[in-house]
Amino acid sequence: MNRATTTLGRRAFVLSGSVAALAPASPLLAHADRAMLTITEPSGRVRELRDEDIAALPWQELTTQTRWTEGVQTFRGPFLKDVLTSGGLSRPDLAGRNLLMRALNDFGIVVPADDAWNYDPLLAREMNGKPMRVRDKGPLWLVYPRDQRAELQNAVMDERWIWQLFEITVL
């Protein structure tokens, strides 16, 4: 084995070890078998939903414009309320509470849990028939029916459209 091959082999080994060491610390580098969405309930119980768990919920379709895309888009995914209640929580358990929602880039927003029932937002997994990737604001994007409800067409409501969502904590 020549020196160039040995050096390249060592570099590849060191680099692969560095990436592996960083993977657990970063949701951006998460493995496919890891949770897509983590929900922390008021009791402290933590639920981890994988892609197949989200796919197993009833999906809805919503066609609306957004401030971040051009033209009308079609989104598909489960209602936020169905995701929240899939582990046994009920609407009364969540009434008057807030949801701290965190994105992969550490952006966070507090959204009233009542929005889930008052406005029927989706946790969109697809846009225009294609699964959303991180670069497409995915894998999950909280999408409100903006075109169908005039009261949702303002800056306060637009701020609630969190994309790259990976964590919800019920406050």
N, C-alpha and C. Protein backbone atom coordinates (compact mmCIF):
# COMPACT_ATOMS: atom_id res chain seq x y z
N MET A 1 0.86 -1.18 0.00
CA MET A 1 0.00 0.00 0.00
C MET A 1 0.90 1.23 0.00
N ASN A 2 0.61 2.18 -0.88
CA ASN A 2 1.47 3.36 -0.93
C ASN A 2 1.03 4.39 0.10
N ARG A 3 1.88 5.37 0.31
CA ARG A 3 1.65 6.40 1.34
C ARG A 3 0.38 7.20 1.06
N ALA A 4 0.09 7.55 -0.19
CA ALA A 4 -1.10 8.34 -0.53
C ALA A 4 -2.37 7.59 -0.15
N THR A 5 -2.42 6.30 -0.40
CA THR A 5 -3.60 5.50 -0.06
C THR A 5 -3.77 5.43 1.45
N THR A 6 -2.67 5.24 2.18
CA THR A 6 -2.73 5.17 3.63
C THR A 6 -3.21 6.49 4.22
N THR A 7 -2.69 7.63 3.72
CA THR A 7 -3.09 8.94 4.22
C THR A 7 -4.57 9.19 3.93
N LEU A 8 -5.00 8.87 2.73
CA LEU A 8 -6.40 9.06 2.37
C LEU A 8 -7.29 8.20 3.25
N GLY A 9 -6.87 6.97 3.49
CA GLY A 9 -7.64 6.07 4.33
C GLY A 9 -7.78 6.61 5.75
N ARG A 10 -6.69 7.13 6.31
CA ARG A 10 -6.74 7.71 7.66
C ARG A 10 -7.64 8.93 7.71
N ARG A 11 -7.53 9.81 6.70
CA ARG A 11 -8.38 11.00 6.66
C ARG A 11 -9.85 10.62 6.58
N ALA A 12 -10.18 9.66 5.73
CA ALA A 12 -11.57 9.22 5.61
C ALA A 12 -12.07 8.67 6.93
N PHE A 13 -11.20 7.90 7.62
CA PHE A 13 -11.58 7.33 8.90
C PHE A 13 -11.82 8.43 9.93
N VAL A 14 -10.93 9.40 10.01
CA VAL A 14 -11.06 10.51 10.96
C VAL A 14 -12.31 11.33 10.64
N LEU A 15 -12.52 11.65 9.37
CA LEU A 15 -13.69 12.42 8.99
C LEU A 15 -14.98 11.68 9.28
N SER A 16 -15.03 10.39 8.99
CA SER A 16 -16.25 9.64 9.26
C SER A 16 -16.51 9.58 10.75
N GLY A 17 -15.47 9.47 11.55
CA GLY A 17 -15.64 9.48 13.00
C GLY A 17 -16.12 10.83 13.50
N SER A 18 -15.65 11.91 12.90
CA SER A 18 -16.09 13.25 13.30
C SER A 18 -17.56 13.45 12.99
N VAL A 19 -17.98 13.02 11.82
CA VAL A 19 -19.39 13.16 11.45
C VAL A 19 -20.25 12.32 12.38
N ALA A 20 -19.83 11.11 12.68
CA ALA A 20 -20.59 10.24 13.57
C ALA A 20 -20.70 10.84 14.97
N ALA A 21 -19.65 11.49 15.43
CA ALA A 21 -19.69 12.11 16.75
C ALA A 21 -20.66 13.28 16.80
N LEU A 22 -20.82 13.98 15.69
CA LEU A 22 -21.73 15.13 15.65
C LEU A 22 -23.18 14.73 15.44
N ALA A 23 -23.44 13.60 14.84
CA ALA A 23 -24.79 13.21 14.44
C ALA A 23 -25.81 13.25 15.57
N PRO A 24 -25.55 12.68 16.75
CA PRO A 24 -26.58 12.70 17.78
C PRO A 24 -26.89 14.11 18.29
N ALA A 25 -25.95 15.03 18.17
CA ALA A 25 -26.15 16.37 18.70
C ALA A 25 -26.96 17.26 17.78
N SER A 26 -27.10 16.88 16.53
CA SER A 26 -27.76 17.74 15.56
C SER A 26 -28.96 17.07 14.93
N PRO A 27 -30.17 17.66 15.06
CA PRO A 27 -31.34 17.10 14.39
C PRO A 27 -31.18 17.12 12.88
N LEU A 28 -30.34 18.03 12.36
CA LEU A 28 -30.13 18.09 10.91
C LEU A 28 -29.43 16.84 10.40
N LEU A 29 -28.66 16.19 11.27
CA LEU A 29 -27.93 15.00 10.88
C LEU A 29 -28.59 13.73 11.42
N ALA A 30 -29.84 13.83 11.84
CA ALA A 30 -30.53 12.69 12.45
C ALA A 30 -30.67 11.53 11.46
N HIS A 31 -30.64 10.35 11.98
CA HIS A 31 -30.81 9.16 11.15
C HIS A 31 -32.26 9.00 10.76
N ALA A 32 -32.48 8.28 9.67
CA ALA A 32 -33.83 8.08 9.15
C ALA A 32 -34.71 7.33 10.15
N ASP A 33 -34.12 6.49 11.01
CA ASP A 33 -34.93 5.71 11.94
C ASP A 33 -35.24 6.48 13.23
N ARG A 34 -34.78 7.69 13.31
CA ARG A 34 -35.04 8.50 14.50
C ARG A 34 -36.35 9.23 14.37
N ALA A 35 -36.80 9.81 15.45
CA ALA A 35 -38.08 10.51 15.47
C ALA A 35 -38.06 11.71 14.52
N MET A 36 -39.16 11.88 13.81
CA MET A 36 -39.35 13.06 12.97
C MET A 36 -39.90 14.20 13.83
N LEU A 37 -40.72 13.83 14.83
CA LEU A 37 -41.34 14.83 15.69
C LEU A 37 -41.37 14.29 17.11
N THR A 38 -40.92 15.10 18.05
CA THR A 38 -40.97 14.75 19.47
C THR A 38 -41.99 15.66 20.14
N ILE A 39 -42.89 15.05 20.90
CA ILE A 39 -43.91 15.81 21.63
C ILE A 39 -43.72 15.55 23.11
N THR A 40 -43.56 16.63 23.87
CA THR A 40 -43.48 16.52 25.33
C THR A 40 -44.80 17.00 25.90
N GLU A 41 -45.50 16.09 26.57
CA GLU A 41 -46.83 16.36 27.11
C GLU A 41 -46.73 17.06 28.46
N PRO A 42 -47.83 17.63 28.96
CA PRO A 42 -47.80 18.33 30.25
C PRO A 42 -47.32 17.45 31.40
N SER A 43 -47.57 16.15 31.33
CA SER A 43 -47.14 15.22 32.38
C SER A 43 -45.64 14.98 32.36
N GLY A 44 -44.97 15.40 31.28
CA GLY A 44 -43.55 15.13 31.12
C GLY A 44 -43.30 13.93 30.21
N ARG A 45 -44.35 13.21 29.88
CA ARG A 45 -44.23 12.07 28.95
C ARG A 45 -43.74 12.57 27.59
N VAL A 46 -42.77 11.88 27.03
CA VAL A 46 -42.21 12.25 25.73
C VAL A 46 -42.64 11.20 24.71
N ARG A 47 -43.22 11.67 23.63
CA ARG A 47 -43.62 10.79 22.53
C ARG A 47 -42.76 11.11 21.32
N GLU A 48 -42.26 10.09 20.69
CA GLU A 48 -41.46 10.27 19.48
C GLU A 48 -42.22 9.68 18.31
N LEU A 49 -42.54 10.52 17.34
CA LEU A 49 -43.25 10.08 16.16
C LEU A 49 -42.28 9.99 14.99
N ARG A 50 -42.26 8.86 14.36
CA ARG A 50 -41.45 8.65 13.17
C ARG A 50 -42.30 8.95 11.94
N ASP A 51 -41.67 8.95 10.81
CA ASP A 51 -42.37 9.23 9.56
C ASP A 51 -43.57 8.30 9.39
N GLU A 52 -43.40 7.01 9.70
CA GLU A 52 -44.50 6.06 9.53
C GLU A 52 -45.65 6.33 10.51
N ASP A 53 -45.36 6.87 11.69
CA ASP A 53 -46.41 7.22 12.64
C ASP A 53 -47.26 8.37 12.10
N ILE A 54 -46.59 9.34 11.52
CA ILE A 54 -47.30 10.49 10.93
C ILE A 54 -48.09 10.04 9.71
N ALA A 55 -47.51 9.14 8.91
CA ALA A 55 -48.19 8.63 7.72
C ALA A 55 -49.43 7.83 8.10
N ALA A 56 -49.45 7.20 9.28
CA ALA A 56 -50.57 6.37 9.70
C ALA A 56 -51.78 7.19 10.17
N LEU A 57 -51.58 8.47 10.47
CA LEU A 57 -52.70 9.33 10.89
C LEU A 57 -53.54 9.71 9.68
N PRO A 58 -54.80 10.11 9.90
CA PRO A 58 -55.61 10.58 8.76
C PRO A 58 -55.00 11.86 8.19
N TRP A 59 -54.84 11.89 6.88
CA TRP A 59 -54.26 13.06 6.22
C TRP A 59 -55.36 13.90 5.59
N GLN A 60 -55.08 15.19 5.52
CA GLN A 60 -55.97 16.16 4.91
C GLN A 60 -55.21 16.87 3.81
N GLU A 61 -55.96 17.54 2.98
CA GLU A 61 -55.33 18.34 1.92
C GLU A 61 -55.79 19.77 2.07
N LEU A 62 -54.87 20.69 1.88
CA LEU A 62 -55.14 22.12 2.03
C LEU A 62 -54.46 22.85 0.89
N THR A 63 -55.22 23.66 0.19
CA THR A 63 -54.68 24.47 -0.89
C THR A 63 -54.75 25.93 -0.46
N THR A 64 -53.59 26.58 -0.44
CA THR A 64 -53.53 27.96 0.03
C THR A 64 -52.25 28.63 -0.46
N GLN A 65 -52.22 29.93 -0.39
CA GLN A 65 -51.01 30.69 -0.65
C GLN A 65 -50.25 30.85 0.66
N THR A 66 -48.96 31.10 0.54
CA THR A 66 -48.14 31.39 1.72
C THR A 66 -47.34 32.66 1.43
N ARG A 67 -46.77 33.23 2.47
CA ARG A 67 -45.89 34.39 2.28
C ARG A 67 -44.52 33.96 1.79
N TRP A 68 -44.21 32.67 1.80
CA TRP A 68 -42.86 32.20 1.53
C TRP A 68 -42.73 31.44 0.20
N THR A 69 -43.85 31.29 -0.49
CA THR A 69 -43.83 30.60 -1.78
C THR A 69 -44.63 31.44 -2.77
N GLU A 70 -44.45 31.14 -4.05
CA GLU A 70 -45.20 31.87 -5.08
C GLU A 70 -46.40 31.08 -5.52
N GLY A 71 -47.54 31.75 -5.58
CA GLY A 71 -48.76 31.11 -6.05
C GLY A 71 -49.40 30.21 -5.01
N VAL A 72 -50.42 29.52 -5.47
CA VAL A 72 -51.17 28.61 -4.61
C VAL A 72 -50.41 27.28 -4.51
N GLN A 73 -50.32 26.74 -3.31
CA GLN A 73 -49.65 25.47 -3.05
C GLN A 73 -50.66 24.49 -2.46
N THR A 74 -50.45 23.22 -2.70
CA THR A 74 -51.29 22.18 -2.12
C THR A 74 -50.46 21.40 -1.11
N PHE A 75 -50.93 21.38 0.12
CA PHE A 75 -50.25 20.71 1.23
C PHE A 75 -51.05 19.50 1.67
N ARG A 76 -50.34 18.46 2.12
CA ARG A 76 -50.99 17.28 2.67
C ARG A 76 -50.27 16.86 3.94
N GLY A 77 -51.08 16.43 4.90
CA GLY A 77 -50.56 15.94 6.16
C GLY A 77 -51.69 15.87 7.16
N PRO A 78 -51.40 15.41 8.36
CA PRO A 78 -52.45 15.32 9.38
C PRO A 78 -52.75 16.68 10.00
N PHE A 79 -53.96 16.82 10.50
CA PHE A 79 -54.28 18.00 11.29
C PHE A 79 -53.39 18.01 12.53
N LEU A 80 -52.99 19.19 12.96
CA LEU A 80 -52.22 19.33 14.20
C LEU A 80 -52.96 18.68 15.36
N LYS A 81 -54.28 18.87 15.41
CA LYS A 81 -55.06 18.31 16.53
C LYS A 81 -54.97 16.78 16.55
N ASP A 82 -54.92 16.15 15.38
CA ASP A 82 -54.81 14.69 15.34
C ASP A 82 -53.44 14.22 15.82
N VAL A 83 -52.41 14.98 15.50
CA VAL A 83 -51.06 14.64 15.97
C VAL A 83 -51.00 14.78 17.49
N LEU A 84 -51.53 15.88 18.00
CA LEU A 84 -51.49 16.12 19.45
C LEU A 84 -52.28 15.08 20.24
N THR A 85 -53.42 14.65 19.71
CA THR A 85 -54.28 13.72 20.44
C THR A 85 -53.97 12.25 20.14
N SER A 86 -53.04 11.99 19.23
CA SER A 86 -52.74 10.61 18.85
C SER A 86 -52.16 9.78 20.00
N GLY A 87 -51.63 10.43 21.01
CA GLY A 87 -51.05 9.71 22.13
C GLY A 87 -51.94 9.64 23.35
N GLY A 88 -53.19 10.12 23.22
CA GLY A 88 -54.12 10.02 24.34
C GLY A 88 -54.55 11.34 24.95
N LEU A 89 -53.87 12.44 24.62
CA LEU A 89 -54.33 13.74 25.10
C LEU A 89 -55.66 14.07 24.44
N SER A 90 -56.46 14.88 25.11
CA SER A 90 -57.75 15.29 24.55
C SER A 90 -57.79 16.80 24.42
N ARG A 91 -58.81 17.28 23.75
CA ARG A 91 -58.96 18.73 23.62
C ARG A 91 -59.04 19.40 24.99
N PRO A 92 -59.83 18.87 25.95
CA PRO A 92 -59.83 19.51 27.29
C PRO A 92 -58.45 19.52 27.96
N ASP A 93 -57.63 18.50 27.70
CA ASP A 93 -56.27 18.47 28.27
C ASP A 93 -55.42 19.63 27.75
N LEU A 94 -55.73 20.07 26.52
CA LEU A 94 -54.92 21.08 25.86
C LEU A 94 -55.54 22.47 25.86
N ALA A 95 -56.80 22.57 26.22
CA ALA A 95 -57.51 23.85 26.19
C ALA A 95 -56.80 24.89 27.06
N GLY A 96 -56.57 26.06 26.48
CA GLY A 96 -55.93 27.16 27.19
C GLY A 96 -54.43 27.03 27.33
N ARG A 97 -53.85 25.95 26.86
CA ARG A 97 -52.40 25.75 26.95
C ARG A 97 -51.72 26.33 25.72
N ASN A 98 -50.41 26.41 25.79
CA ASN A 98 -49.60 26.85 24.66
C ASN A 98 -48.70 25.72 24.22
N LEU A 99 -48.26 25.82 22.98
CA LEU A 99 -47.33 24.85 22.40
C LEU A 99 -46.05 25.57 22.04
N LEU A 100 -44.95 25.15 22.62
CA LEU A 100 -43.64 25.66 22.21
C LEU A 100 -43.19 24.77 21.07
N MET A 101 -43.06 25.38 19.89
CA MET A 101 -42.68 24.63 18.70
C MET A 101 -41.27 25.04 18.32
N ARG A 102 -40.42 24.03 18.06
CA ARG A 102 -39.03 24.29 17.71
C ARG A 102 -38.70 23.71 16.35
N ALA A 103 -37.92 24.49 15.61
CA ALA A 103 -37.47 24.09 14.29
C ALA A 103 -36.04 23.56 14.37
N LEU A 104 -35.61 22.90 13.30
CA LEU A 104 -34.27 22.34 13.25
C LEU A 104 -33.17 23.38 13.44
N ASN A 105 -33.44 24.65 13.08
CA ASN A 105 -32.43 25.70 13.22
C ASN A 105 -32.52 26.41 14.57
N ASP A 106 -33.22 25.81 15.52
CA ASP A 106 -33.43 26.32 16.88
C ASP A 106 -34.39 27.50 16.97
N PHE A 107 -35.04 27.86 15.86
CA PHE A 107 -36.10 28.86 15.92
C PHE A 107 -37.24 28.26 16.74
N GLY A 108 -37.84 29.06 17.57
CA GLY A 108 -38.97 28.60 18.37
C GLY A 108 -40.09 29.62 18.37
N ILE A 109 -41.30 29.13 18.45
CA ILE A 109 -42.48 30.00 18.50
C ILE A 109 -43.49 29.36 19.44
N VAL A 110 -44.19 30.19 20.18
CA VAL A 110 -45.25 29.70 21.05
C VAL A 110 -46.58 29.93 20.34
N VAL A 111 -47.34 28.85 20.20
CA VAL A 111 -48.62 28.87 19.49
C VAL A 111 -49.69 28.40 20.46
N PRO A 112 -50.83 29.08 20.52
CA PRO A 112 -51.91 28.58 21.38
C PRO A 112 -52.37 27.20 20.91
N ALA A 113 -52.49 26.26 21.84
CA ALA A 113 -52.96 24.92 21.48
C ALA A 113 -54.36 24.98 20.88
N ASP A 114 -55.14 25.96 21.28
CA ASP A 114 -56.50 26.10 20.75
C ASP A 114 -56.52 26.34 19.25
N ASP A 115 -55.42 26.83 18.67
CA ASP A 115 -55.33 26.98 17.22
C ASP A 115 -55.63 25.66 16.51
N ALA A 116 -55.23 24.55 17.13
CA ALA A 116 -55.42 23.24 16.51
C ALA A 116 -56.88 22.97 16.22
N TRP A 117 -57.77 23.47 17.06
CA TRP A 117 -59.21 23.27 16.87
C TRP A 117 -59.88 24.49 16.23
N ASN A 118 -59.39 25.67 16.53
CA ASN A 118 -60.02 26.88 16.00
C ASN A 118 -59.76 27.09 14.51
N TYR A 119 -58.60 26.64 14.01
CA TYR A 119 -58.22 26.94 12.62
C TYR A 119 -57.87 25.71 11.78
N ASP A 120 -57.78 24.54 12.39
CA ASP A 120 -57.44 23.30 11.68
C ASP A 120 -56.15 23.39 10.85
N PRO A 121 -55.05 23.83 11.44
CA PRO A 121 -53.79 23.82 10.67
C PRO A 121 -53.31 22.38 10.48
N LEU A 122 -52.57 22.19 9.41
CA LEU A 122 -51.96 20.89 9.11
C LEU A 122 -50.51 20.88 9.57
N LEU A 123 -50.04 19.69 9.89
CA LEU A 123 -48.60 19.47 9.95
C LEU A 123 -48.28 18.87 8.59
N ALA A 124 -48.01 19.74 7.65
CA ALA A 124 -47.82 19.32 6.27
C ALA A 124 -46.54 18.52 6.14
N ARG A 125 -46.66 17.38 5.47
CA ARG A 125 -45.53 16.52 5.17
C ARG A 125 -45.22 16.54 3.67
N GLU A 126 -46.23 16.93 2.88
CA GLU A 126 -46.07 17.02 1.43
C GLU A 126 -46.50 18.39 0.94
N MET A 127 -45.83 18.85 -0.11
CA MET A 127 -46.24 20.07 -0.79
C MET A 127 -46.26 19.75 -2.29
N ASN A 128 -47.42 20.02 -2.89
CA ASN A 128 -47.61 19.77 -4.33
C ASN A 128 -47.27 18.33 -4.70
N GLY A 129 -47.70 17.40 -3.84
CA GLY A 129 -47.55 15.97 -4.13
C GLY A 129 -46.20 15.37 -3.85
N LYS A 130 -45.28 16.16 -3.29
CA LYS A 130 -43.93 15.65 -3.02
C LYS A 130 -43.62 15.79 -1.53
N PRO A 131 -42.98 14.74 -0.95
CA PRO A 131 -42.56 14.88 0.45
C PRO A 131 -41.61 16.06 0.59
N MET A 132 -41.81 16.84 1.64
CA MET A 132 -40.95 18.00 1.86
C MET A 132 -39.64 17.55 2.51
N ARG A 133 -38.55 18.03 1.94
CA ARG A 133 -37.23 17.80 2.51
C ARG A 133 -36.86 19.03 3.33
N VAL A 134 -35.78 18.93 4.07
CA VAL A 134 -35.34 20.05 4.90
C VAL A 134 -35.17 21.30 4.03
N ARG A 135 -34.62 21.17 2.85
CA ARG A 135 -34.40 22.34 1.99
C ARG A 135 -35.72 22.92 1.46
N ASP A 136 -36.82 22.14 1.58
CA ASP A 136 -38.14 22.59 1.12
C ASP A 136 -39.05 22.98 2.28
N LYS A 137 -38.47 23.33 3.40
CA LYS A 137 -39.18 23.71 4.62
C LYS A 137 -39.73 22.50 5.38
N GLY A 138 -39.29 21.33 5.01
CA GLY A 138 -39.75 20.11 5.65
C GLY A 138 -38.78 19.62 6.71
N PRO A 139 -39.00 18.48 7.25
CA PRO A 139 -40.00 17.53 6.79
C PRO A 139 -41.41 17.86 7.25
N LEU A 140 -41.58 18.73 8.24
CA LEU A 140 -42.91 19.12 8.70
C LEU A 140 -43.02 20.64 8.72
N TRP A 141 -44.16 21.13 8.24
CA TRP A 141 -44.41 22.57 8.21
C TRP A 141 -45.82 22.79 8.74
N LEU A 142 -45.97 23.61 9.76
CA LEU A 142 -47.28 23.96 10.29
C LEU A 142 -47.92 24.95 9.32
N VAL A 143 -49.01 24.53 8.69
CA VAL A 143 -49.65 25.31 7.63
C VAL A 143 -51.09 25.60 8.02
N TYR A 144 -51.45 26.87 7.97
CA TYR A 144 -52.81 27.30 8.29
C TYR A 144 -53.61 27.50 7.00
N PRO A 145 -54.93 27.34 7.06
CA PRO A 145 -55.78 27.56 5.88
C PRO A 145 -55.97 29.06 5.62
N ARG A 146 -54.91 29.71 5.26
CA ARG A 146 -54.84 31.17 5.12
C ARG A 146 -55.86 31.72 4.12
N ASP A 147 -55.99 31.08 2.96
CA ASP A 147 -56.90 31.60 1.93
C ASP A 147 -58.36 31.39 2.30
N GLN A 148 -58.65 30.43 3.16
CA GLN A 148 -60.03 30.13 3.52
C GLN A 148 -60.54 30.95 4.70
N ARG A 149 -59.64 31.60 5.44
CA ARG A 149 -60.03 32.33 6.65
C ARG A 149 -59.36 33.69 6.67
N ALA A 150 -60.14 34.74 6.50
CA ALA A 150 -59.60 36.11 6.45
C ALA A 150 -58.82 36.47 7.72
N GLU A 151 -59.25 35.97 8.87
CA GLU A 151 -58.58 36.30 10.13
C GLU A 151 -57.17 35.72 10.23
N LEU A 152 -56.80 34.83 9.30
CA LEU A 152 -55.46 34.25 9.30
C LEU A 152 -54.50 35.00 8.40
N GLN A 153 -54.99 36.04 7.74
CA GLN A 153 -54.19 36.78 6.76
C GLN A 153 -53.58 38.03 7.39
N ASN A 154 -52.70 37.80 8.37
CA ASN A 154 -52.02 38.93 9.02
C ASN A 154 -50.67 38.45 9.54
N ALA A 155 -49.83 39.40 9.89
CA ALA A 155 -48.46 39.10 10.30
C ALA A 155 -48.39 38.24 11.56
N VAL A 156 -49.30 38.46 12.52
CA VAL A 156 -49.28 37.68 13.75
C VAL A 156 -49.49 36.20 13.44
N MET A 157 -50.45 35.90 12.58
CA MET A 157 -50.73 34.51 12.23
C MET A 157 -49.62 33.94 11.33
N ASP A 158 -49.09 34.75 10.46
CA ASP A 158 -48.01 34.28 9.58
C ASP A 158 -46.80 33.82 10.38
N GLU A 159 -46.55 34.45 11.52
CA GLU A 159 -45.40 34.07 12.35
C GLU A 159 -45.55 32.66 12.92
N ARG A 160 -46.74 32.13 12.94
CA ARG A 160 -46.97 30.81 13.51
C ARG A 160 -46.65 29.68 12.53
N TRP A 161 -46.41 30.00 11.29
CA TRP A 161 -46.11 29.00 10.26
C TRP A 161 -44.68 28.51 10.44
N ILE A 162 -44.45 27.64 11.35
CA ILE A 162 -43.08 27.16 11.60
C ILE A 162 -42.78 25.97 10.69
N TRP A 163 -41.64 26.08 9.99
CA TRP A 163 -41.23 24.98 9.13
C TRP A 163 -40.02 24.30 9.74
N GLN A 164 -39.66 23.15 9.19
CA GLN A 164 -38.61 22.29 9.73
C GLN A 164 -38.90 21.95 11.19
N LEU A 165 -40.18 21.81 11.49
CA LEU A 165 -40.63 21.50 12.84
C LEU A 165 -40.16 20.11 13.26
N PHE A 166 -39.59 20.02 14.46
CA PHE A 166 -39.17 18.71 14.94
C PHE A 166 -39.54 18.47 16.40
N GLU A 167 -40.03 19.53 17.09
CA GLU A 167 -40.32 19.35 18.52
C GLU A 167 -41.48 20.23 18.96
N ILE A 168 -42.39 19.65 19.72
CA ILE A 168 -43.51 20.39 20.32
C ILE A 168 -43.51 20.08 21.81
N THR A 169 -43.50 21.14 22.61
CA THR A 169 -43.62 20.98 24.06
C THR A 169 -44.92 21.65 24.48
N VAL A 170 -45.79 20.89 25.14
CA VAL A 170 -47.06 21.43 25.63
C VAL A 170 -46.76 22.14 26.94
N LEU A 171 -47.01 23.44 26.97
CA LEU A 171 -46.73 24.25 28.16
C LEU A 171 -47.96 24.35 29.06
